[in-house]
Amino acid sequence: MKVAVTSKGSDLESQVDPRFGRAKYIMIIDADTLAFEAVDNSENLNAFKGAGIQAATLICDKGAEVLLTGHCGPNAFTTLKAAGVKVVNDVDGMVLDAVTSFKNGRYTFAEEANVDGHW
């Protein structure tokens, strides 16, 4: 299963970025093998608007089934939900620890966005 994690850096020891659409990187990680791709999200980081929807489209295009992030706004959440991507909000710590916690069933999937947007 592919998991997307918002990240402040480009490796598994990086900290989870609390922002979804404006995260510096979005890590696409195979939860079983921990093989990963660090996707530079700087285009969305500096976007005037629509960063969450663009980031949601990116992770869908990469085949992620789950998003681990700190905060996900309503437009991005709606886009992800429509694409069948499950969201876990309020994630923090290191990317590797977040994926491990997900694999161990320590998170619950969000039912709605946890910020109003433009966080």
C-alpha atoms as a PDB file:
ATOM      1  CA  MET A   1       0.000   0.000   0.000  1.00  0.00           C
ATOM      2  CA  LYS A   2       1.253   3.466  -0.894  1.00  0.00           C
ATOM      3  CA  VAL A   3       1.019   6.092   1.828  1.00  0.00           C
ATOM      4  CA  ALA A   4       1.561   9.825   1.303  1.00  0.00           C
ATOM      5  CA  VAL A   5       3.111  11.774   4.177  1.00  0.00           C
ATOM      6  CA  THR A   6       3.652  15.526   4.267  1.00  0.00           C
ATOM      7  CA  SER A   7       7.250  16.237   5.147  1.00  0.00           C
ATOM      8  CA  LYS A   8       9.648  19.068   5.910  1.00  0.00           C
ATOM      9  CA  GLY A   9      12.524  17.117   4.324  1.00  0.00           C
ATOM     10  CA  SER A  10      13.261  14.509   1.700  1.00  0.00           C
ATOM     11  CA  ASP A  11      14.018  11.420   3.796  1.00  0.00           C
ATOM     12  CA  LEU A  12      12.277   9.133   6.283  1.00  0.00           C
ATOM     13  CA  GLU A  13      13.932  10.859   9.269  1.00  0.00           C
ATOM     14  CA  SER A  14      12.384  14.212   8.329  1.00  0.00           C
ATOM     15  CA  GLN A  15       9.664  15.767  10.436  1.00  0.00           C
ATOM     16  CA  VAL A  16       6.056  15.551   9.309  1.00  0.00           C
ATOM     17  CA  ASP A  17       4.976  18.909   7.887  1.00  0.00           C
ATOM     18  CA  PRO A  18       1.682  19.907   9.541  1.00  0.00           C
ATOM     19  CA  ARG A  19       0.491  21.610   6.334  1.00  0.00           C
ATOM     20  CA  PHE A  20      -0.916  19.483   3.560  1.00  0.00           C
ATOM     21  CA  GLY A  21      -1.124  21.648   0.458  1.00  0.00           C
ATOM     22  CA  ARG A  22       1.857  23.777   1.363  1.00  0.00           C
ATOM     23  CA  ALA A  23       4.154  21.071   2.717  1.00  0.00           C
ATOM     24  CA  LYS A  24       7.728  21.309   1.452  1.00  0.00           C
ATOM     25  CA  TYR A  25       7.724  17.650   0.358  1.00  0.00           C
ATOM     26  CA  ILE A  26       5.188  14.919  -0.030  1.00  0.00           C
ATOM     27  CA  MET A  27       6.692  11.523   0.614  1.00  0.00           C
ATOM     28  CA  ILE A  28       5.142   8.620  -1.295  1.00  0.00           C
ATOM     29  CA  ILE A  29       6.025   5.514   0.708  1.00  0.00           C
ATOM     30  CA  ASP A  30       5.393   1.824   0.194  1.00  0.00           C
ATOM     31  CA  ALA A  31       4.199   0.929   3.698  1.00  0.00           C
ATOM     32  CA  ASP A  32       5.455  -2.662   3.375  1.00  0.00           C
ATOM     33  CA  THR A  33       8.971  -2.121   1.991  1.00  0.00           C
ATOM     34  CA  LEU A  34       9.518   1.517   3.054  1.00  0.00           C
ATOM     35  CA  ALA A  35      10.722   2.314  -0.472  1.00  0.00           C
ATOM     36  CA  PHE A  36       9.903   5.968  -1.043  1.00  0.00           C
ATOM     37  CA  GLU A  37       9.864   8.883  -3.422  1.00  0.00           C
ATOM     38  CA  ALA A  38      10.284  12.423  -2.101  1.00  0.00           C
ATOM     39  CA  VAL A  39       8.158  14.714  -4.262  1.00  0.00           C
ATOM     40  CA  ASP A  40       9.181  18.366  -4.212  1.00  0.00           C
ATOM     41  CA  ASN A  41       6.012  20.344  -3.502  1.00  0.00           C
ATOM     42  CA  SER A  42       7.570  23.824  -3.832  1.00  0.00           C
ATOM     43  CA  GLU A  43       5.237  24.737  -6.687  1.00  0.00           C
ATOM     44  CA  ASN A  44       2.271  24.320  -4.346  1.00  0.00           C
ATOM     45  CA  LEU A  45       4.177  25.737  -1.361  1.00  0.00           C
ATOM     46  CA  ASN A  46       4.250  29.108  -3.094  1.00  0.00           C
ATOM     47  CA  ALA A  47       0.880  28.917  -4.854  1.00  0.00           C
ATOM     48  CA  PHE A  48      -1.473  31.865  -4.496  1.00  0.00           C
ATOM     49  CA  LYS A  49      -4.477  29.537  -4.099  1.00  0.00           C
ATOM     50  CA  GLY A  50      -5.523  25.961  -4.773  1.00  0.00           C
ATOM     51  CA  ALA A  51      -2.461  24.397  -3.121  1.00  0.00           C
ATOM     52  CA  GLY A  52      -4.495  21.723  -1.331  1.00  0.00           C
ATOM     53  CA  ILE A  53      -6.379  20.623  -4.428  1.00  0.00           C
ATOM     54  CA  GLN A  54      -3.154  20.502  -6.466  1.00  0.00           C
ATOM     55  CA  ALA A  55      -1.378  18.482  -3.759  1.00  0.00           C
ATOM     56  CA  ALA A  56      -4.379  16.134  -3.553  1.00  0.00           C
ATOM     57  CA  THR A  57      -4.212  15.593  -7.302  1.00  0.00           C
ATOM     58  CA  LEU A  58      -0.482  14.894  -7.040  1.00  0.00           C
ATOM     59  CA  ILE A  59      -0.842  12.151  -4.437  1.00  0.00           C
ATOM     60  CA  CYS A  60      -3.735  10.588  -6.353  1.00  0.00           C
ATOM     61  CA  ASP A  61      -1.590  10.537  -9.501  1.00  0.00           C
ATOM     62  CA  LYS A  62       1.158   8.801  -7.496  1.00  0.00           C
ATOM     63  CA  GLY A  63      -1.268   6.062  -6.416  1.00  0.00           C
ATOM     64  CA  ALA A  64      -1.381   6.806  -2.686  1.00  0.00           C
ATOM     65  CA  GLU A  65      -4.325   5.279  -0.837  1.00  0.00           C
ATOM     66  CA  VAL A  66      -3.773   7.074   2.478  1.00  0.00           C
ATOM     67  CA  LEU A  67      -2.551  10.544   3.474  1.00  0.00           C
ATOM     68  CA  LEU A  68      -0.829  11.163   6.813  1.00  0.00           C
ATOM     69  CA  THR A  69      -0.656  14.880   7.612  1.00  0.00           C
ATOM     70  CA  GLY A  70      -1.152  17.451  10.329  1.00  0.00           C
ATOM     71  CA  HIS A  71      -3.919  19.551   8.839  1.00  0.00           C
ATOM     72  CA  CYS A  72      -6.110  19.066   5.780  1.00  0.00           C
ATOM     73  CA  GLY A  73      -8.511  21.773   4.628  1.00  0.00           C
ATOM     74  CA  PRO A  74     -12.031  21.229   3.286  1.00  0.00           C
ATOM     75  CA  ASN A  75     -11.309  21.532  -0.451  1.00  0.00           C
ATOM     76  CA  ALA A  76      -8.371  19.141  -0.318  1.00  0.00           C
ATOM     77  CA  PHE A  77     -10.286  16.750   1.945  1.00  0.00           C
ATOM     78  CA  THR A  78     -13.239  16.680  -0.461  1.00  0.00           C
ATOM     79  CA  THR A  79     -10.910  16.043  -3.416  1.00  0.00           C
ATOM     80  CA  LEU A  80      -9.124  13.225  -1.611  1.00  0.00           C
ATOM     81  CA  LYS A  81     -12.361  11.637  -0.413  1.00  0.00           C
ATOM     82  CA  ALA A  82     -13.790  11.710  -3.953  1.00  0.00           C
ATOM     83  CA  ALA A  83     -10.659   9.906  -5.178  1.00  0.00           C
ATOM     84  CA  GLY A  84     -10.928   7.256  -2.445  1.00  0.00           C
ATOM     85  CA  VAL A  85      -7.876   8.442  -0.499  1.00  0.00           C
ATOM     86  CA  LYS A  86      -8.269   8.100   3.262  1.00  0.00           C
ATOM     87  CA  VAL A  87      -6.914  10.915   5.438  1.00  0.00           C
ATOM     88  CA  VAL A  88      -5.311  10.809   8.868  1.00  0.00           C
ATOM     89  CA  ASN A  89      -5.022  14.270  10.476  1.00  0.00           C
ATOM     90  CA  ASP A  90      -3.070  15.462  13.516  1.00  0.00           C
ATOM     91  CA  VAL A  91       0.039  13.437  12.607  1.00  0.00           C
ATOM     92  CA  ASP A  92       3.388  14.703  13.876  1.00  0.00           C
ATOM     93  CA  GLY A  93       6.903  13.455  14.604  1.00  0.00           C
ATOM     94  CA  MET A  94       9.211  11.757  12.114  1.00  0.00           C
ATOM     95  CA  VAL A  95       7.904  10.447   8.802  1.00  0.00           C
ATOM     96  CA  LEU A  96       9.167   6.919   9.532  1.00  0.00           C
ATOM     97  CA  ASP A  97       7.452   6.901  12.932  1.00  0.00           C
ATOM     98  CA  ALA A  98       4.203   8.089  11.332  1.00  0.00           C
ATOM     99  CA  VAL A  99       4.262   5.254   8.793  1.00  0.00           C
ATOM    100  CA  THR A 100       5.098   2.718  11.511  1.00  0.00           C
ATOM    101  CA  SER A 101       2.240   3.988  13.681  1.00  0.00           C
ATOM    102  CA  PHE A 102      -0.106   3.742  10.697  1.00  0.00           C
ATOM    103  CA  LYS A 103       0.985   0.160   9.976  1.00  0.00           C
ATOM    104  CA  ASN A 104       0.418  -0.702  13.655  1.00  0.00           C
ATOM    105  CA  GLY A 105      -3.152   0.643  13.560  1.00  0.00           C
ATOM    106  CA  ARG A 106      -2.561   3.593  15.886  1.00  0.00           C
ATOM    107  CA  TYR A 107      -4.445   6.121  13.750  1.00  0.00           C
ATOM    108  CA  THR A 108      -8.082   6.558  12.839  1.00  0.00           C
ATOM    109  CA  PHE A 109      -9.229   7.961   9.537  1.00  0.00           C
ATOM    110  CA  ALA A 110     -10.696  11.459   9.522  1.00  0.00           C
ATOM    111  CA  GLU A 111     -14.351  12.039   8.744  1.00  0.00           C
ATOM    112  CA  GLU A 112     -13.827  15.669   7.768  1.00  0.00           C
ATOM    113  CA  ALA A 113     -11.259  18.427   7.362  1.00  0.00           C
ATOM    114  CA  ASN A 114      -9.630  19.630  10.576  1.00  0.00           C
ATOM    115  CA  VAL A 115      -8.944  23.242   9.479  1.00  0.00           C
ATOM    116  CA  ASP A 116     -10.948  25.814   7.586  1.00  0.00           C
ATOM    117  CA  GLY A 117      -8.357  26.150   4.846  1.00  0.00           C
ATOM    118  CA  HIS A 118      -5.415  28.432   4.105  1.00  0.00           C
ATOM    119  CA  TRP A 119      -3.788  27.262   7.325  1.00  0.00           C
END
